[in-house]
Amino acid sequence: ETYRWHRTVTVAQGRPGTER
């Protein structure tokens, strides 16, 4: 589930959860 991890990383950086 890479897209899930990416989504969490984006939120952590202060960005909207992007489902990549």
Protein backbone atom coordinates (compact mmCIF):
# COMPACT_ATOMS: atom_id res chain seq x y z
CA GLU A 1 0.00 0.00 0.00
CA THR A 2 2.41 2.65 -1.21
CA TYR A 3 -0.37 5.11 -1.99
CA ARG A 4 -1.48 4.96 1.64
CA TRP A 5 2.03 5.71 2.87
CA HIS A 6 2.40 8.53 0.38
CA ARG A 7 -0.89 9.98 1.56
CA THR A 8 0.32 9.99 5.17
CA VAL A 9 3.63 11.58 4.20
CA THR A 10 1.86 14.39 2.36
CA VAL A 11 -0.33 15.11 5.37
CA ALA A 12 2.71 15.07 7.65
CA GLN A 13 4.41 17.67 5.46
CA GLY A 14 1.30 19.82 5.80
CA ARG A 15 -0.24 19.00 2.44
CA PRO A 16 -3.60 17.50 1.48
CA GLY A 17 -3.62 13.71 1.35
CA THR A 18 -2.87 12.90 -2.27
CA GLU A 19 -3.67 9.36 -3.34
CA ARG A 20 -0.70 8.54 -5.53
